[in-house]
Amino acid sequence: MIRTGVELNIEQRAETLIKLVEKLAQESKETAIIVEGRKDVIALRELGITGKIICLQNSGKALANIIEEISDTQNSVIILTDFDRYGRKLAGRLLGSLEKNRVKANLAFWRRIKSLVRHEIKDIEGLPRYMERLKSTLKL
């Protein structure tokens, strides 16, 4: 079981985050991941995510058009927007719009990562560096 970051010490948080990213890498082989920008895509690739990643900002399309395309091509997606105010609002909009279009939208990874990193990072692009810091601090 992957626990939330609230009750974990730094070593447990690091180990839980590593396992969570490994699980994300596995799930991404069959389920597309939605991110905000190009740097988020690069960060996920650095973390070993090899599956399909849908980048919202670099498409040049309106969000409604992107949601329509996703609805036409995906049965389910993983939402990994940033943890800032805009990212939280965007995650909510995506969740509602995709589910209206009968696409299963998974926010579980976003919620778990957010709880583990707390306020130490605000975006997906900072995740690889954050994980490296944790590993070097703990000698993992």
C-alpha atoms as a PDB file:
ATOM      1  CA  MET A   1       0.000   0.000   0.000  1.00  0.00           C
ATOM      2  CA  ILE A   2       1.277   3.466  -0.854  1.00  0.00           C
ATOM      3  CA  ARG A   3       0.662   5.773   2.072  1.00  0.00           C
ATOM      4  CA  THR A   4       0.181   9.528   2.005  1.00  0.00           C
ATOM      5  CA  GLY A   5       3.061  11.871   2.843  1.00  0.00           C
ATOM      6  CA  VAL A   6       1.495  13.315   5.980  1.00  0.00           C
ATOM      7  CA  GLU A   7       2.524  10.600   8.433  1.00  0.00           C
ATOM      8  CA  LEU A   8       5.838   9.597   6.821  1.00  0.00           C
ATOM      9  CA  ASN A   9       9.377  10.617   7.718  1.00  0.00           C
ATOM     10  CA  ILE A  10      11.715  11.761   4.937  1.00  0.00           C
ATOM     11  CA  GLU A  11      13.129   8.279   4.262  1.00  0.00           C
ATOM     12  CA  GLN A  12       9.667   6.742   4.042  1.00  0.00           C
ATOM     13  CA  ARG A  13       8.513   9.587   1.787  1.00  0.00           C
ATOM     14  CA  ALA A  14      11.472   9.010  -0.531  1.00  0.00           C
ATOM     15  CA  GLU A  15      10.887   5.259  -0.730  1.00  0.00           C
ATOM     16  CA  THR A  16       7.143   5.749  -1.256  1.00  0.00           C
ATOM     17  CA  LEU A  17       7.751   8.322  -3.995  1.00  0.00           C
ATOM     18  CA  ILE A  18      10.197   6.011  -5.791  1.00  0.00           C
ATOM     19  CA  LYS A  19       7.663   3.163  -5.713  1.00  0.00           C
ATOM     20  CA  LEU A  20       4.911   5.501  -6.863  1.00  0.00           C
ATOM     21  CA  VAL A  21       6.948   6.683  -9.872  1.00  0.00           C
ATOM     22  CA  GLU A  22       7.732   3.051 -10.739  1.00  0.00           C
ATOM     23  CA  LYS A  23       4.008   2.259 -10.627  1.00  0.00           C
ATOM     24  CA  LEU A  24       3.280   5.330 -12.768  1.00  0.00           C
ATOM     25  CA  ALA A  25       5.832   4.121 -15.320  1.00  0.00           C
ATOM     26  CA  GLN A  26       4.078   0.745 -15.457  1.00  0.00           C
ATOM     27  CA  GLU A  27       0.595   2.226 -15.820  1.00  0.00           C
ATOM     28  CA  SER A  28       1.747   4.713 -18.455  1.00  0.00           C
ATOM     29  CA  LYS A  29       2.436   1.814 -20.823  1.00  0.00           C
ATOM     30  CA  GLU A  30      -1.324   1.432 -21.243  1.00  0.00           C
ATOM     31  CA  THR A  31      -2.737   4.770 -20.067  1.00  0.00           C
ATOM     32  CA  ALA A  32      -1.794   8.195 -21.440  1.00  0.00           C
ATOM     33  CA  ILE A  33      -0.622  10.892 -19.034  1.00  0.00           C
ATOM     34  CA  ILE A  34      -1.783  14.515 -19.390  1.00  0.00           C
ATOM     35  CA  VAL A  35       0.702  17.237 -18.393  1.00  0.00           C
ATOM     36  CA  GLU A  36       0.763  21.008 -18.773  1.00  0.00           C
ATOM     37  CA  GLY A  37       4.011  21.767 -20.590  1.00  0.00           C
ATOM     38  CA  ARG A  38       7.015  20.463 -22.502  1.00  0.00           C
ATOM     39  CA  LYS A  39       9.289  20.567 -19.431  1.00  0.00           C
ATOM     40  CA  ASP A  40       6.840  18.262 -17.660  1.00  0.00           C
ATOM     41  CA  VAL A  41       7.171  15.774 -20.535  1.00  0.00           C
ATOM     42  CA  ILE A  42      10.973  15.921 -20.283  1.00  0.00           C
ATOM     43  CA  ALA A  43      10.814  15.407 -16.510  1.00  0.00           C
ATOM     44  CA  LEU A  44       8.622  12.325 -16.834  1.00  0.00           C
ATOM     45  CA  ARG A  45      10.932  10.881 -19.490  1.00  0.00           C
ATOM     46  CA  GLU A  46      13.875  11.427 -17.100  1.00  0.00           C
ATOM     47  CA  LEU A  47      11.940   9.412 -14.517  1.00  0.00           C
ATOM     48  CA  GLY A  48      11.574   6.480 -16.911  1.00  0.00           C
ATOM     49  CA  ILE A  49       8.039   7.103 -18.132  1.00  0.00           C
ATOM     50  CA  THR A  50       7.938   5.676 -21.659  1.00  0.00           C
ATOM     51  CA  GLY A  51       4.215   5.698 -22.415  1.00  0.00           C
ATOM     52  CA  LYS A  52       2.135   8.298 -24.228  1.00  0.00           C
ATOM     53  CA  ILE A  53       2.227  11.783 -22.718  1.00  0.00           C
ATOM     54  CA  ILE A  54      -0.260  14.430 -23.839  1.00  0.00           C
ATOM     55  CA  CYS A  55       1.127  17.953 -23.469  1.00  0.00           C
ATOM     56  CA  LEU A  56      -1.557  20.634 -23.206  1.00  0.00           C
ATOM     57  CA  GLN A  57       0.398  23.860 -23.726  1.00  0.00           C
ATOM     58  CA  ASN A  58       2.411  22.919 -26.778  1.00  0.00           C
ATOM     59  CA  SER A  59      -0.487  21.665 -28.845  1.00  0.00           C
ATOM     60  CA  GLY A  60      -1.617  25.128 -29.953  1.00  0.00           C
ATOM     61  CA  LYS A  61      -5.217  23.986 -29.553  1.00  0.00           C
ATOM     62  CA  ALA A  62      -7.999  25.111 -27.243  1.00  0.00           C
ATOM     63  CA  LEU A  63      -8.579  22.949 -24.179  1.00  0.00           C
ATOM     64  CA  ALA A  64     -12.030  21.955 -25.459  1.00  0.00           C
ATOM     65  CA  ASN A  65     -10.476  20.635 -28.693  1.00  0.00           C
ATOM     66  CA  ILE A  66      -7.807  18.702 -26.786  1.00  0.00           C
ATOM     67  CA  ILE A  67     -10.463  17.132 -24.564  1.00  0.00           C
ATOM     68  CA  GLU A  68     -12.450  16.155 -27.643  1.00  0.00           C
ATOM     69  CA  GLU A  69      -9.364  14.524 -29.212  1.00  0.00           C
ATOM     70  CA  ILE A  70      -8.593  12.674 -25.986  1.00  0.00           C
ATOM     71  CA  SER A  71     -12.209  11.483 -25.820  1.00  0.00           C
ATOM     72  CA  ASP A  72     -11.903  10.135 -29.350  1.00  0.00           C
ATOM     73  CA  THR A  73      -8.646   8.249 -28.715  1.00  0.00           C
ATOM     74  CA  GLN A  74      -8.433   7.316 -25.020  1.00  0.00           C
ATOM     75  CA  ASN A  75     -10.608   5.290 -22.646  1.00  0.00           C
ATOM     76  CA  SER A  76      -8.680   6.475 -19.612  1.00  0.00           C
ATOM     77  CA  VAL A  77      -5.957   8.978 -18.746  1.00  0.00           C
ATOM     78  CA  ILE A  78      -3.754   9.955 -15.812  1.00  0.00           C
ATOM     79  CA  ILE A  79      -3.869  13.664 -14.975  1.00  0.00           C
ATOM     80  CA  LEU A  80      -0.532  15.103 -13.773  1.00  0.00           C
ATOM     81  CA  THR A  81      -0.887  18.867 -13.779  1.00  0.00           C
ATOM     82  CA  ASP A  82       1.272  21.100 -11.597  1.00  0.00           C
ATOM     83  CA  PHE A  83       0.548  21.545  -7.894  1.00  0.00           C
ATOM     84  CA  ASP A  84       0.064  25.324  -8.017  1.00  0.00           C
ATOM     85  CA  ARG A  85      -3.312  27.083  -8.080  1.00  0.00           C
ATOM     86  CA  TYR A  86      -3.589  26.975 -11.883  1.00  0.00           C
ATOM     87  CA  GLY A  87      -2.644  23.284 -11.971  1.00  0.00           C
ATOM     88  CA  ARG A  88      -5.241  22.420  -9.323  1.00  0.00           C
ATOM     89  CA  LYS A  89      -7.969  24.260 -11.237  1.00  0.00           C
ATOM     90  CA  LEU A  90      -6.881  22.690 -14.515  1.00  0.00           C
ATOM     91  CA  ALA A  91      -6.948  19.211 -12.978  1.00  0.00           C
ATOM     92  CA  GLY A  92     -10.517  19.807 -11.841  1.00  0.00           C
ATOM     93  CA  ARG A  93     -11.595  21.081 -15.245  1.00  0.00           C
ATOM     94  CA  LEU A  94      -9.967  18.147 -17.003  1.00  0.00           C
ATOM     95  CA  LEU A  95     -11.523  15.657 -14.617  1.00  0.00           C
ATOM     96  CA  GLY A  96     -15.031  17.039 -15.107  1.00  0.00           C
ATOM     97  CA  SER A  97     -14.770  17.465 -18.869  1.00  0.00           C
ATOM     98  CA  LEU A  98     -13.200  14.078 -19.516  1.00  0.00           C
ATOM     99  CA  GLU A  99     -15.663  12.214 -17.344  1.00  0.00           C
ATOM    100  CA  LYS A 100     -18.552  13.953 -19.147  1.00  0.00           C
ATOM    101  CA  ASN A 101     -17.045  12.488 -22.309  1.00  0.00           C
ATOM    102  CA  ARG A 102     -16.824   9.029 -20.698  1.00  0.00           C
ATOM    103  CA  VAL A 103     -13.072   9.011 -20.284  1.00  0.00           C
ATOM    104  CA  LYS A 104     -11.885   7.660 -16.939  1.00  0.00           C
ATOM    105  CA  ALA A 105      -9.633  10.353 -15.491  1.00  0.00           C
ATOM    106  CA  ASN A 106      -7.197   9.211 -12.787  1.00  0.00           C
ATOM    107  CA  LEU A 107      -6.094  11.843 -10.247  1.00  0.00           C
ATOM    108  CA  ALA A 108      -4.723   9.313  -7.741  1.00  0.00           C
ATOM    109  CA  PHE A 109      -1.077   9.706  -8.799  1.00  0.00           C
ATOM    110  CA  TRP A 110      -1.392  13.511  -8.743  1.00  0.00           C
ATOM    111  CA  ARG A 111      -2.873  13.452  -5.237  1.00  0.00           C
ATOM    112  CA  ARG A 112      -0.284  11.028  -3.881  1.00  0.00           C
ATOM    113  CA  ILE A 113       2.692  12.832  -5.392  1.00  0.00           C
ATOM    114  CA  LYS A 114       1.341  16.159  -4.145  1.00  0.00           C
ATOM    115  CA  SER A 115       0.999  14.800  -0.601  1.00  0.00           C
ATOM    116  CA  LEU A 116       4.512  13.348  -0.668  1.00  0.00           C
ATOM    117  CA  VAL A 117       6.318  16.423  -1.988  1.00  0.00           C
ATOM    118  CA  ARG A 118       4.164  18.707   0.169  1.00  0.00           C
ATOM    119  CA  HIS A 119       5.099  22.295  -0.644  1.00  0.00           C
ATOM    120  CA  GLU A 120       8.686  21.500  -1.594  1.00  0.00           C
ATOM    121  CA  ILE A 121       7.980  21.555  -5.339  1.00  0.00           C
ATOM    122  CA  LYS A 122       5.135  23.149  -7.252  1.00  0.00           C
ATOM    123  CA  ASP A 123       5.358  21.421 -10.607  1.00  0.00           C
ATOM    124  CA  ILE A 124       5.998  18.125 -12.351  1.00  0.00           C
ATOM    125  CA  GLU A 125       9.154  19.449 -14.000  1.00  0.00           C
ATOM    126  CA  GLY A 126      10.782  19.736 -10.556  1.00  0.00           C
ATOM    127  CA  LEU A 127      10.120  16.105  -9.660  1.00  0.00           C
ATOM    128  CA  PRO A 128      13.343  14.498 -11.011  1.00  0.00           C
ATOM    129  CA  ARG A 129      15.575  17.003  -9.226  1.00  0.00           C
ATOM    130  CA  TYR A 130      13.536  16.648  -6.022  1.00  0.00           C
ATOM    131  CA  MET A 131      13.873  12.858  -6.149  1.00  0.00           C
ATOM    132  CA  GLU A 132      17.622  13.105  -6.753  1.00  0.00           C
ATOM    133  CA  ARG A 133      17.947  15.400  -3.721  1.00  0.00           C
ATOM    134  CA  LEU A 134      16.038  12.911  -1.585  1.00  0.00           C
ATOM    135  CA  LYS A 135      18.144   9.994  -2.812  1.00  0.00           C
ATOM    136  CA  SER A 136      21.436  11.789  -2.232  1.00  0.00           C
ATOM    137  CA  THR A 137      20.371  13.003   1.204  1.00  0.00           C
ATOM    138  CA  LEU A 138      19.365   9.507   2.225  1.00  0.00           C
ATOM    139  CA  LYS A 139      22.051   7.666   0.208  1.00  0.00           C
ATOM    140  CA  LEU A 140      19.386   5.545  -1.557  1.00  0.00           C
END
